[in-house]
Full PDB file with SEQRES, HELIX, SHEET, SSBOND, CRYST1, ORIGX, SCALE, CONECT and MASTER records, all heavy atoms in Angstrom:
SEQRES   1 A   31  THR ALA GLU VAL MET ALA ALA SER ASN GLU ASP VAL ILE          
SEQRES   2 A   31  TYR GLU TYR ILE LYS SER VAL SER TYR PRO ASN ASN LYS          
SEQRES   3 A   31  ALA LYS HIS LEU VAL                                          
HELIX    1 AA1 ALA A    2  ALA A    6  1                                   5    
HELIX    2 AA2 GLU A   10  ILE A   17  1                                   8    
HELIX    3 AA3 PRO A   23  LEU A   30  1                                   8    
CRYST1    1.000    1.000    1.000  90.00  90.00  90.00 P 1           1          
ORIGX1      1.000000  0.000000  0.000000        0.00000                         
ORIGX2      0.000000  1.000000  0.000000        0.00000                         
ORIGX3      0.000000  0.000000  1.000000        0.00000                         
SCALE1      1.000000  0.000000  0.000000        0.00000                         
SCALE2      0.000000  1.000000  0.000000        0.00000                         
SCALE3      0.000000  0.000000  1.000000        0.00000                         
ATOM      1  N   THR A   1       0.827  -1.207   0.000  1.00  0.00           N  
ATOM      2  CA  THR A   1       0.000   0.000   0.000  1.00  0.00           C  
ATOM      3  C   THR A   1       0.860   1.254   0.000  1.00  0.00           C  
ATOM      4  O   THR A   1       2.070   1.211   0.306  1.00  0.00           O  
ATOM      5  CB  THR A   1      -0.899   0.054   1.249  1.00  0.00           C  
ATOM      6  OG1 THR A   1      -0.058   0.165   2.416  1.00  0.00           O  
ATOM      7  CG2 THR A   1      -1.772  -1.199   1.356  1.00  0.00           C  
ATOM      8  N   ALA A   2       0.211   2.361  -0.315  1.00  0.00           N  
ATOM      9  CA  ALA A   2       0.908   3.649  -0.272  1.00  0.00           C  
ATOM     10  C   ALA A   2       1.377   3.967   1.134  1.00  0.00           C  
ATOM     11  O   ALA A   2       2.441   4.563   1.338  1.00  0.00           O  
ATOM     12  CB  ALA A   2      -0.021   4.749  -0.787  1.00  0.00           C  
ATOM     13  N   GLU A   3       0.607   3.564   2.110  1.00  0.00           N  
ATOM     14  CA  GLU A   3       0.962   3.840   3.506  1.00  0.00           C  
ATOM     15  C   GLU A   3       2.293   3.199   3.882  1.00  0.00           C  
ATOM     16  O   GLU A   3       3.143   3.832   4.520  1.00  0.00           O  
ATOM     17  CB  GLU A   3      -0.139   3.325   4.429  1.00  0.00           C  
ATOM     18  CG  GLU A   3       0.115   3.617   5.902  1.00  0.00           C  
ATOM     19  CD  GLU A   3      -1.014   3.141   6.796  1.00  0.00           C  
ATOM     20  OE1 GLU A   3      -1.862   2.363   6.327  1.00  0.00           O  
ATOM     21  OE2 GLU A   3      -1.041   3.570   7.969  1.00  0.00           O  
ATOM     22  N   VAL A   4       2.503   1.978   3.461  1.00  0.00           N  
ATOM     23  CA  VAL A   4       3.747   1.272   3.790  1.00  0.00           C  
ATOM     24  C   VAL A   4       4.923   1.917   3.071  1.00  0.00           C  
ATOM     25  O   VAL A   4       5.985   2.136   3.660  1.00  0.00           O  
ATOM     26  CB  VAL A   4       3.645  -0.220   3.422  1.00  0.00           C  
ATOM     27  CG1 VAL A   4       4.957  -0.933   3.728  1.00  0.00           C  
ATOM     28  CG2 VAL A   4       2.505  -0.878   4.184  1.00  0.00           C  
ATOM     29  N   MET A   5       4.736   2.244   1.785  1.00  0.00           N  
ATOM     30  CA  MET A   5       5.835   2.852   1.030  1.00  0.00           C  
ATOM     31  C   MET A   5       6.144   4.257   1.531  1.00  0.00           C  
ATOM     32  O   MET A   5       7.311   4.679   1.554  1.00  0.00           O  
ATOM     33  CB  MET A   5       5.519   2.878  -0.463  1.00  0.00           C  
ATOM     34  CG  MET A   5       6.654   3.429  -1.325  1.00  0.00           C  
ATOM     35  SD  MET A   5       6.427   3.156  -3.110  1.00  0.00           S  
ATOM     36  CE  MET A   5       6.912   1.424  -3.246  1.00  0.00           C  
ATOM     37  N   ALA A   6       5.122   4.974   1.952  1.00  0.00           N  
ATOM     38  CA  ALA A   6       5.327   6.337   2.454  1.00  0.00           C  
ATOM     39  C   ALA A   6       6.192   6.355   3.701  1.00  0.00           C  
ATOM     40  O   ALA A   6       6.869   7.346   3.997  1.00  0.00           O  
ATOM     41  CB  ALA A   6       3.979   6.989   2.738  1.00  0.00           C  
ATOM     42  N   ALA A   7       6.193   5.269   4.437  1.00  0.00           N  
ATOM     43  CA  ALA A   7       6.981   5.175   5.664  1.00  0.00           C  
ATOM     44  C   ALA A   7       8.414   4.763   5.394  1.00  0.00           C  
ATOM     45  O   ALA A   7       9.247   4.744   6.304  1.00  0.00           O  
ATOM     46  CB  ALA A   7       6.334   4.179   6.623  1.00  0.00           C  
ATOM     47  N   SER A   8       8.723   4.435   4.137  1.00  0.00           N  
ATOM     48  CA  SER A   8      10.072   4.019   3.770  1.00  0.00           C  
ATOM     49  C   SER A   8      10.878   5.236   3.331  1.00  0.00           C  
ATOM     50  O   SER A   8      10.484   6.382   3.562  1.00  0.00           O  
ATOM     51  CB  SER A   8       9.987   2.970   2.650  1.00  0.00           C  
ATOM     52  OG  SER A   8      11.266   2.442   2.371  1.00  0.00           O  
ATOM     53  N   ASN A   9      12.012   4.998   2.703  1.00  0.00           N  
ATOM     54  CA  ASN A   9      12.811   6.102   2.181  1.00  0.00           C  
ATOM     55  C   ASN A   9      13.462   5.679   0.869  1.00  0.00           C  
ATOM     56  O   ASN A   9      13.503   4.491   0.530  1.00  0.00           O  
ATOM     57  CB  ASN A   9      13.872   6.552   3.193  1.00  0.00           C  
ATOM     58  CG  ASN A   9      14.888   5.466   3.498  1.00  0.00           C  
ATOM     59  OD1 ASN A   9      15.725   5.119   2.667  1.00  0.00           O  
ATOM     60  ND2 ASN A   9      14.811   4.904   4.708  1.00  0.00           N  
ATOM     61  N   GLU A  10      13.972   6.644   0.128  1.00  0.00           N  
ATOM     62  CA  GLU A  10      14.454   6.367  -1.223  1.00  0.00           C  
ATOM     63  C   GLU A  10      15.673   5.440  -1.246  1.00  0.00           C  
ATOM     64  O   GLU A  10      15.858   4.684  -2.210  1.00  0.00           O  
ATOM     65  CB  GLU A  10      14.775   7.672  -1.949  1.00  0.00           C  
ATOM     66  CG  GLU A  10      15.808   8.548  -1.279  1.00  0.00           C  
ATOM     67  CD  GLU A  10      15.848   9.931  -1.899  1.00  0.00           C  
ATOM     68  OE1 GLU A  10      14.942  10.731  -1.602  1.00  0.00           O  
ATOM     69  OE2 GLU A  10      16.778  10.194  -2.681  1.00  0.00           O  
ATOM     70  N   ASP A  11      16.501   5.456  -0.214  1.00  0.00           N  
ATOM     71  CA  ASP A  11      17.659   4.564  -0.180  1.00  0.00           C  
ATOM     72  C   ASP A  11      17.227   3.101  -0.094  1.00  0.00           C  
ATOM     73  O   ASP A  11      17.831   2.225  -0.723  1.00  0.00           O  
ATOM     74  CB  ASP A  11      18.564   4.901   1.009  1.00  0.00           C  
ATOM     75  CG  ASP A  11      19.258   6.244   0.848  1.00  0.00           C  
ATOM     76  OD1 ASP A  11      19.475   6.657  -0.310  1.00  0.00           O  
ATOM     77  OD2 ASP A  11      19.575   6.872   1.870  1.00  0.00           O  
ATOM     78  N   VAL A  12      16.186   2.841   0.662  1.00  0.00           N  
ATOM     79  CA  VAL A  12      15.675   1.476   0.790  1.00  0.00           C  
ATOM     80  C   VAL A  12      15.011   1.043  -0.514  1.00  0.00           C  
ATOM     81  O   VAL A  12      15.246  -0.060  -1.015  1.00  0.00           O  
ATOM     82  CB  VAL A  12      14.669   1.376   1.958  1.00  0.00           C  
ATOM     83  CG1 VAL A  12      14.026  -0.005   1.975  1.00  0.00           C  
ATOM     84  CG2 VAL A  12      15.370   1.659   3.283  1.00  0.00           C  
ATOM     85  N   ILE A  13      14.174   1.910  -1.078  1.00  0.00           N  
ATOM     86  CA  ILE A  13      13.476   1.587  -2.331  1.00  0.00           C  
ATOM     87  C   ILE A  13      14.479   1.362  -3.461  1.00  0.00           C  
ATOM     88  O   ILE A  13      14.286   0.490  -4.318  1.00  0.00           O  
ATOM     89  CB  ILE A  13      12.482   2.702  -2.699  1.00  0.00           C  
ATOM     90  CG1 ILE A  13      11.425   2.876  -1.612  1.00  0.00           C  
ATOM     91  CG2 ILE A  13      11.822   2.412  -4.046  1.00  0.00           C  
ATOM     92  CD1 ILE A  13      10.582   1.647  -1.363  1.00  0.00           C  
ATOM     93  N   TYR A  14      15.548   2.123  -3.447  1.00  0.00           N  
ATOM     94  CA  TYR A  14      16.571   1.991  -4.491  1.00  0.00           C  
ATOM     95  C   TYR A  14      17.075   0.552  -4.603  1.00  0.00           C  
ATOM     96  O   TYR A  14      17.308   0.045  -5.708  1.00  0.00           O  
ATOM     97  CB  TYR A  14      17.744   2.924  -4.179  1.00  0.00           C  
ATOM     98  CG  TYR A  14      18.940   2.710  -5.085  1.00  0.00           C  
ATOM     99  CD1 TYR A  14      19.039   3.355  -6.309  1.00  0.00           C  
ATOM    100  CD2 TYR A  14      19.978   1.843  -4.716  1.00  0.00           C  
ATOM    101  CE1 TYR A  14      20.129   3.146  -7.153  1.00  0.00           C  
ATOM    102  CE2 TYR A  14      21.066   1.626  -5.536  1.00  0.00           C  
ATOM    103  CZ  TYR A  14      21.136   2.277  -6.753  1.00  0.00           C  
ATOM    104  OH  TYR A  14      22.216   2.058  -7.577  1.00  0.00           O  
ATOM    105  N   GLU A  15      17.246  -0.122  -3.492  1.00  0.00           N  
ATOM    106  CA  GLU A  15      17.775  -1.484  -3.499  1.00  0.00           C  
ATOM    107  C   GLU A  15      16.851  -2.455  -4.232  1.00  0.00           C  
ATOM    108  O   GLU A  15      17.298  -3.454  -4.774  1.00  0.00           O  
ATOM    109  CB  GLU A  15      18.020  -1.964  -2.067  1.00  0.00           C  
ATOM    110  CG  GLU A  15      19.131  -1.222  -1.343  1.00  0.00           C  
ATOM    111  CD  GLU A  15      20.473  -1.338  -2.076  1.00  0.00           C  
ATOM    112  OE1 GLU A  15      20.781  -2.455  -2.560  1.00  0.00           O  
ATOM    113  OE2 GLU A  15      21.190  -0.329  -2.165  1.00  0.00           O  
ATOM    114  N   TYR A  16      15.573  -2.149  -4.247  1.00  0.00           N  
ATOM    115  CA  TYR A  16      14.601  -3.004  -4.940  1.00  0.00           C  
ATOM    116  C   TYR A  16      14.574  -2.735  -6.445  1.00  0.00           C  
ATOM    117  O   TYR A  16      14.242  -3.633  -7.224  1.00  0.00           O  
ATOM    118  CB  TYR A  16      13.191  -2.777  -4.398  1.00  0.00           C  
ATOM    119  CG  TYR A  16      12.960  -3.293  -3.009  1.00  0.00           C  
ATOM    120  CD1 TYR A  16      13.236  -2.514  -1.895  1.00  0.00           C  
ATOM    121  CD2 TYR A  16      12.433  -4.571  -2.796  1.00  0.00           C  
ATOM    122  CE1 TYR A  16      13.014  -2.975  -0.612  1.00  0.00           C  
ATOM    123  CE2 TYR A  16      12.208  -5.049  -1.511  1.00  0.00           C  
ATOM    124  CZ  TYR A  16      12.500  -4.241  -0.424  1.00  0.00           C  
ATOM    125  OH  TYR A  16      12.276  -4.702   0.850  1.00  0.00           O  
ATOM    126  N   ILE A  17      14.910  -1.508  -6.846  1.00  0.00           N  
ATOM    127  CA  ILE A  17      14.709  -1.107  -8.236  1.00  0.00           C  
ATOM    128  C   ILE A  17      16.001  -0.731  -8.962  1.00  0.00           C  
ATOM    129  O   ILE A  17      15.952  -0.187 -10.058  1.00  0.00           O  
ATOM    130  CB  ILE A  17      13.717   0.080  -8.315  1.00  0.00           C  
ATOM    131  CG1 ILE A  17      14.343   1.352  -7.722  1.00  0.00           C  
ATOM    132  CG2 ILE A  17      12.413  -0.251  -7.600  1.00  0.00           C  
ATOM    133  CD1 ILE A  17      13.555   2.613  -7.998  1.00  0.00           C  
ATOM    134  N   LYS A  18      17.135  -1.046  -8.377  1.00  0.00           N  
ATOM    135  CA  LYS A  18      18.403  -0.557  -8.934  1.00  0.00           C  
ATOM    136  C   LYS A  18      18.739  -1.099 -10.319  1.00  0.00           C  
ATOM    137  O   LYS A  18      19.622  -0.556 -10.991  1.00  0.00           O  
ATOM    138  CB  LYS A  18      19.546  -0.851  -7.960  1.00  0.00           C  
ATOM    139  CG  LYS A  18      19.739  -2.318  -7.610  1.00  0.00           C  
ATOM    140  CD  LYS A  18      20.809  -2.461  -6.537  1.00  0.00           C  
ATOM    141  CE  LYS A  18      20.974  -3.914  -6.098  1.00  0.00           C  
ATOM    142  NZ  LYS A  18      21.950  -4.024  -4.984  1.00  0.00           N  
ATOM    143  N   SER A  19      18.043  -2.136 -10.777  1.00  0.00           N  
ATOM    144  CA  SER A  19      18.333  -2.673 -12.105  1.00  0.00           C  
ATOM    145  C   SER A  19      17.527  -1.994 -13.213  1.00  0.00           C  
ATOM    146  O   SER A  19      17.714  -2.298 -14.394  1.00  0.00           O  
ATOM    147  CB  SER A  19      18.072  -4.182 -12.148  1.00  0.00           C  
ATOM    148  OG  SER A  19      16.712  -4.475 -11.947  1.00  0.00           O  
ATOM    149  N   VAL A  20      16.633  -1.055 -12.869  1.00  0.00           N  
ATOM    150  CA  VAL A  20      15.898  -0.329 -13.901  1.00  0.00           C  
ATOM    151  C   VAL A  20      16.668   0.929 -14.271  1.00  0.00           C  
ATOM    152  O   VAL A  20      17.643   1.296 -13.598  1.00  0.00           O  
ATOM    153  CB  VAL A  20      14.470   0.054 -13.434  1.00  0.00           C  
ATOM    154  CG1 VAL A  20      13.691  -1.176 -13.026  1.00  0.00           C  
ATOM    155  CG2 VAL A  20      14.507   1.079 -12.313  1.00  0.00           C  
ATOM    156  N   SER A  21      16.236   1.596 -15.310  1.00  0.00           N  
ATOM    157  CA  SER A  21      16.882   2.846 -15.701  1.00  0.00           C  
ATOM    158  C   SER A  21      16.571   3.945 -14.685  1.00  0.00           C  
ATOM    159  O   SER A  21      15.486   3.973 -14.102  1.00  0.00           O  
ATOM    160  CB  SER A  21      16.375   3.281 -17.078  1.00  0.00           C  
ATOM    161  OG  SER A  21      14.961   3.416 -17.057  1.00  0.00           O  
ATOM    162  N   TYR A  22      17.544   4.812 -14.451  1.00  0.00           N  
ATOM    163  CA  TYR A  22      17.408   5.958 -13.549  1.00  0.00           C  
ATOM    164  C   TYR A  22      16.836   5.580 -12.175  1.00  0.00           C  
ATOM    165  O   TYR A  22      15.845   6.177 -11.705  1.00  0.00           O  
ATOM    166  CB  TYR A  22      16.539   7.043 -14.190  1.00  0.00           C  
ATOM    167  CG  TYR A  22      17.010   7.422 -15.571  1.00  0.00           C  
ATOM    168  CD1 TYR A  22      16.312   7.011 -16.706  1.00  0.00           C  
ATOM    169  CD2 TYR A  22      18.171   8.178 -15.752  1.00  0.00           C  
ATOM    170  CE1 TYR A  22      16.753   7.337 -17.982  1.00  0.00           C  
ATOM    171  CE2 TYR A  22      18.629   8.514 -17.027  1.00  0.00           C  
ATOM    172  CZ  TYR A  22      17.913   8.083 -18.137  1.00  0.00           C  
ATOM    173  OH  TYR A  22      18.358   8.404 -19.394  1.00  0.00           O  
ATOM    174  N   PRO A  23      17.428   4.619 -11.497  1.00  0.00           N  
ATOM    175  CA  PRO A  23      16.870   4.137 -10.227  1.00  0.00           C  
ATOM    176  C   PRO A  23      16.865   5.180  -9.117  1.00  0.00           C  
ATOM    177  O   PRO A  23      15.966   5.171  -8.265  1.00  0.00           O  
ATOM    178  CB  PRO A  23      17.768   2.949  -9.879  1.00  0.00           C  
ATOM    179  CG  PRO A  23      19.062   3.235 -10.565  1.00  0.00           C  
ATOM    180  CD  PRO A  23      18.668   3.899 -11.853  1.00  0.00           C  
ATOM    181  N   ASN A  24      17.846   6.064  -9.098  1.00  0.00           N  
ATOM    182  CA  ASN A  24      17.875   7.083  -8.041  1.00  0.00           C  
ATOM    183  C   ASN A  24      16.667   8.006  -8.118  1.00  0.00           C  
ATOM    184  O   ASN A  24      15.986   8.248  -7.112  1.00  0.00           O  
ATOM    185  CB  ASN A  24      19.167   7.908  -8.137  1.00  0.00           C  
ATOM    186  CG  ASN A  24      20.388   7.133  -7.694  1.00  0.00           C  
ATOM    187  OD1 ASN A  24      20.491   6.717  -6.548  1.00  0.00           O  
ATOM    188  ND2 ASN A  24      21.319   6.913  -8.612  1.00  0.00           N  
ATOM    189  N   ASN A  25      16.413   8.529  -9.325  1.00  0.00           N  
ATOM    190  CA  ASN A  25      15.266   9.419  -9.511  1.00  0.00           C  
ATOM    191  C   ASN A  25      13.953   8.687  -9.256  1.00  0.00           C  
ATOM    192  O   ASN A  25      13.033   9.231  -8.637  1.00  0.00           O  
ATOM    193  CB  ASN A  25      15.261  10.008 -10.928  1.00  0.00           C  
ATOM    194  CG  ASN A  25      16.272  11.123 -11.087  1.00  0.00           C  
ATOM    195  OD1 ASN A  25      16.701  11.727 -10.114  1.00  0.00           O  
ATOM    196  ND2 ASN A  25      16.665  11.397 -12.319  1.00  0.00           N  
ATOM    197  N   LYS A  26      13.864   7.461  -9.745  1.00  0.00           N  
ATOM    198  CA  LYS A  26      12.614   6.716  -9.595  1.00  0.00           C  
ATOM    199  C   LYS A  26      12.344   6.343  -8.134  1.00  0.00           C  
ATOM    200  O   LYS A  26      11.189   6.334  -7.698  1.00  0.00           O  
ATOM    201  CB  LYS A  26      12.628   5.481 -10.495  1.00  0.00           C  
ATOM    202  CG  LYS A  26      12.523   5.836 -11.975  1.00  0.00           C  
ATOM    203  CD  LYS A  26      12.585   4.625 -12.894  1.00  0.00           C  
ATOM    204  CE  LYS A  26      12.487   5.048 -14.341  1.00  0.00           C  
ATOM    205  NZ  LYS A  26      12.593   3.903 -15.287  1.00  0.00           N  
ATOM    206  N   ALA A  27      13.395   6.050  -7.387  1.00  0.00           N  
ATOM    207  CA  ALA A  27      13.213   5.761  -5.958  1.00  0.00           C  
ATOM    208  C   ALA A  27      12.667   6.993  -5.239  1.00  0.00           C  
ATOM    209  O   ALA A  27      11.747   6.901  -4.410  1.00  0.00           O  
ATOM    210  CB  ALA A  27      14.536   5.329  -5.342  1.00  0.00           C  
ATOM    211  N   LYS A  28      13.206   8.150  -5.598  1.00  0.00           N  
ATOM    212  CA  LYS A  28      12.742   9.401  -5.005  1.00  0.00           C  
ATOM    213  C   LYS A  28      11.280   9.666  -5.380  1.00  0.00           C  
ATOM    214  O   LYS A  28      10.467  10.068  -4.548  1.00  0.00           O  
ATOM    215  CB  LYS A  28      13.623  10.553  -5.495  1.00  0.00           C  
ATOM    216  CG  LYS A  28      13.319  11.906  -4.857  1.00  0.00           C  
ATOM    217  CD  LYS A  28      14.183  13.001  -5.466  1.00  0.00           C  
ATOM    218  CE  LYS A  28      15.652  12.730  -5.248  1.00  0.00           C  
ATOM    219  NZ  LYS A  28      16.507  13.836  -5.778  1.00  0.00           N  
ATOM    220  N   HIS A  29      10.958   9.414  -6.650  1.00  0.00           N  
ATOM    221  CA  HIS A  29       9.587   9.637  -7.117  1.00  0.00           C  
ATOM    222  C   HIS A  29       8.595   8.698  -6.431  1.00  0.00           C  
ATOM    223  O   HIS A  29       7.496   9.118  -6.059  1.00  0.00           O  
ATOM    224  CB  HIS A  29       9.515   9.433  -8.638  1.00  0.00           C  
ATOM    225  CG  HIS A  29      10.170  10.513  -9.413  1.00  0.00           C  
ATOM    226  ND1 HIS A  29      10.686  10.323 -10.679  1.00  0.00           N  
ATOM    227  CD2 HIS A  29      10.422  11.821  -9.111  1.00  0.00           C  
ATOM    228  CE1 HIS A  29      11.208  11.452 -11.119  1.00  0.00           C  
ATOM    229  NE2 HIS A  29      11.063  12.364 -10.188  1.00  0.00           N  
ATOM    230  N   LEU A  30       8.975   7.441  -6.276  1.00  0.00           N  
ATOM    231  CA  LEU A  30       8.051   6.476  -5.670  1.00  0.00           C  
ATOM    232  C   LEU A  30       7.715   6.831  -4.229  1.00  0.00           C  
ATOM    233  O   LEU A  30       6.554   6.778  -3.820  1.00  0.00           O  
ATOM    234  CB  LEU A  30       8.642   5.056  -5.741  1.00  0.00           C  
ATOM    235  CG  LEU A  30       8.732   4.424  -7.138  1.00  0.00           C  
ATOM    236  CD1 LEU A  30       9.299   3.017  -7.041  1.00  0.00           C  
ATOM    237  CD2 LEU A  30       7.377   4.412  -7.825  1.00  0.00           C  
ATOM    238  N   VAL A  31       8.716   7.195  -3.478  1.00  0.00           N  
ATOM    239  CA  VAL A  31       8.474   7.581  -2.086  1.00  0.00           C  
ATOM    240  C   VAL A  31       7.650   8.862  -2.020  1.00  0.00           C  
ATOM    241  O   VAL A  31       6.685   8.966  -1.251  1.00  0.00           O  
ATOM    242  CB  VAL A  31       9.803   7.754  -1.323  1.00  0.00           C  
ATOM    243  CG1 VAL A  31       9.535   8.295   0.086  1.00  0.00           C  
ATOM    244  CG2 VAL A  31      10.549   6.431  -1.231  1.00  0.00           C  
TER     245      VAL A  31                                                      
MASTER        0    0    0    3    0    0    0    6  244    1    0    3          
END                                                                             
């Protein structure tokens, strides 16, 4: 849910998505 992701941070999300293009920006956007 959005609630769970909102409680995370971009450094943590980055580890899940680092194989996609522009992972730093996308991690920031997702949070």
